[in-house]
C-alpha atoms as a PDB file:
ATOM      1  CA  MET A   1     -18.925 -16.087   6.722  1.00  0.00           C
ATOM      2  CA  ARG A   2     -15.905 -14.267   5.391  1.00  0.00           C
ATOM      3  CA  ARG A   3     -13.332 -13.026   7.890  1.00  0.00           C
ATOM      4  CA  ARG A   4     -13.992  -9.314   7.249  1.00  0.00           C
ATOM      5  CA  ALA A   5     -17.726  -9.808   7.831  1.00  0.00           C
ATOM      6  CA  GLU A   6     -16.988 -11.648  11.098  1.00  0.00           C
ATOM      7  CA  TRP A   7     -14.738  -8.815  12.285  1.00  0.00           C
ATOM      8  CA  ARG A   8     -17.345  -6.227  11.273  1.00  0.00           C
ATOM      9  CA  ARG A   9     -20.053  -8.008  13.267  1.00  0.00           C
ATOM     10  CA  VAL A  10     -17.901  -8.041  16.420  1.00  0.00           C
ATOM     11  CA  LEU A  11     -16.716  -4.472  15.838  1.00  0.00           C
ATOM     12  CA  ASP A  12     -20.290  -3.231  15.363  1.00  0.00           C
ATOM     13  CA  ALA A  13     -21.445  -4.938  18.578  1.00  0.00           C
ATOM     14  CA  GLU A  14     -18.540  -3.510  20.594  1.00  0.00           C
ATOM     15  CA  THR A  15     -19.000  -0.050  19.068  1.00  0.00           C
ATOM     16  CA  GLU A  16     -22.672  -0.135  20.029  1.00  0.00           C
ATOM     17  CA  SER A  17     -21.782  -1.175  23.590  1.00  0.00           C
ATOM     18  CA  TRP A  18     -19.209   1.612  24.046  1.00  0.00           C
ATOM     19  CA  SER A  19     -21.489   4.177  22.352  1.00  0.00           C
ATOM     20  CA  ARG A  20     -24.126   3.714  25.046  1.00  0.00           C
ATOM     21  CA  LYS A  21     -21.709   5.023  27.698  1.00  0.00           C
ATOM     22  CA  SER A  22     -21.619   8.679  28.689  1.00  0.00           C
ATOM     23  CA  CYS A  23     -18.516  10.795  28.099  1.00  0.00           C
ATOM     24  CA  GLU A  24     -17.797  10.652  31.827  1.00  0.00           C
ATOM     25  CA  GLN A  25     -17.958   6.839  31.817  1.00  0.00           C
ATOM     26  CA  LEU A  26     -15.660   6.646  28.784  1.00  0.00           C
ATOM     27  CA  ILE A  27     -13.100   8.959  30.370  1.00  0.00           C
ATOM     28  CA  GLU A  28     -13.198   6.977  33.620  1.00  0.00           C
ATOM     29  CA  LYS A  29     -12.815   3.578  31.929  1.00  0.00           C
ATOM     30  CA  LEU A  30     -10.265   4.669  29.342  1.00  0.00           C
ATOM     31  CA  HIS A  31      -7.719   6.543  31.451  1.00  0.00           C
ATOM     32  CA  GLU A  32      -5.376   3.959  29.891  1.00  0.00           C
ATOM     33  CA  SER A  33      -5.852   1.478  27.029  1.00  0.00           C
ATOM     34  CA  HIS A  34      -8.522  -1.141  27.642  1.00  0.00           C
ATOM     35  CA  ASN A  35      -7.935  -4.650  26.192  1.00  0.00           C
ATOM     36  CA  TYR A  36     -10.218  -7.646  26.614  1.00  0.00           C
ATOM     37  CA  VAL A  37     -11.429 -10.795  24.871  1.00  0.00           C
ATOM     38  CA  VAL A  38     -14.954 -11.520  23.649  1.00  0.00           C
ATOM     39  CA  VAL A  39     -16.213 -14.866  22.389  1.00  0.00           C
ATOM     40  CA  VAL A  40     -18.626 -14.939  19.451  1.00  0.00           C
ATOM     41  CA  ASP A  41     -19.710 -18.230  17.899  1.00  0.00           C
ATOM     42  CA  ALA A  42     -16.995 -20.064  19.899  1.00  0.00           C
ATOM     43  CA  LYS A  43     -14.309 -17.817  18.371  1.00  0.00           C
ATOM     44  CA  HIS A  44     -12.105 -15.518  20.476  1.00  0.00           C
ATOM     45  CA  TYR A  45     -11.592 -11.881  19.488  1.00  0.00           C
ATOM     46  CA  GLN A  46      -9.300  -9.421  21.219  1.00  0.00           C
ATOM     47  CA  VAL A  47     -10.796  -5.959  21.532  1.00  0.00           C
ATOM     48  CA  GLU A  48      -8.628  -2.885  22.072  1.00  0.00           C
ATOM     49  CA  VAL A  49     -10.123   0.453  23.071  1.00  0.00           C
ATOM     50  CA  GLU A  50      -8.169   3.667  23.517  1.00  0.00           C
ATOM     51  CA  LEU A  51      -9.076   7.238  24.365  1.00  0.00           C
ATOM     52  CA  LEU A  52      -7.589   9.515  21.696  1.00  0.00           C
ATOM     53  CA  GLU A  53      -9.005  12.924  22.650  1.00  0.00           C
ATOM     54  CA  ASN A  54     -10.823  14.278  25.656  1.00  0.00           C
ATOM     55  CA  CYS A  55     -12.228  17.628  24.546  1.00  0.00           C
ATOM     56  CA  GLU A  56     -14.839  19.763  26.219  1.00  0.00           C
ATOM     57  CA  GLU A  57     -17.336  19.086  23.418  1.00  0.00           C
ATOM     58  CA  TYR A  58     -16.616  15.414  22.719  1.00  0.00           C
ATOM     59  CA  VAL A  59     -14.572  12.288  23.463  1.00  0.00           C
ATOM     60  CA  HIS A  60     -12.677  10.690  20.559  1.00  0.00           C
ATOM     61  CA  MET A  61     -11.756   7.022  20.912  1.00  0.00           C
ATOM     62  CA  ALA A  62     -10.401   4.164  18.804  1.00  0.00           C
ATOM     63  CA  LEU A  63     -11.732   0.611  18.870  1.00  0.00           C
ATOM     64  CA  GLY A  64     -10.100  -2.368  17.146  1.00  0.00           C
ATOM     65  CA  VAL A  65     -10.892  -6.077  16.831  1.00  0.00           C
ATOM     66  CA  ASP A  66      -8.394  -8.873  16.174  1.00  0.00           C
ATOM     67  CA  ASP A  67      -9.042 -12.609  15.813  1.00  0.00           C
ATOM     68  CA  GLY A  68      -5.359 -13.513  16.025  1.00  0.00           C
ATOM     69  CA  CYS A  69      -5.110 -14.842  12.473  1.00  0.00           C
ATOM     70  CA  PHE A  70      -2.278 -12.480  11.519  1.00  0.00           C
ATOM     71  CA  PRO A  71       1.159 -12.844  13.121  1.00  0.00           C
END
């Protein structure tokens, strides 16, 4: 599988996981940046999640995936 497709698969899974949380849960968990590692097919990926906006109508967040291949 090409690298971009691997990243996309991990990103989609993490996006789905975070999307299931309520706004209140997101605000509580993301009061500061949240970084963690997931393992998919014996490969480690660092996931970074950050709250960008906390508005009355919505919560805006950023989610990134890195496999460590770039310096």
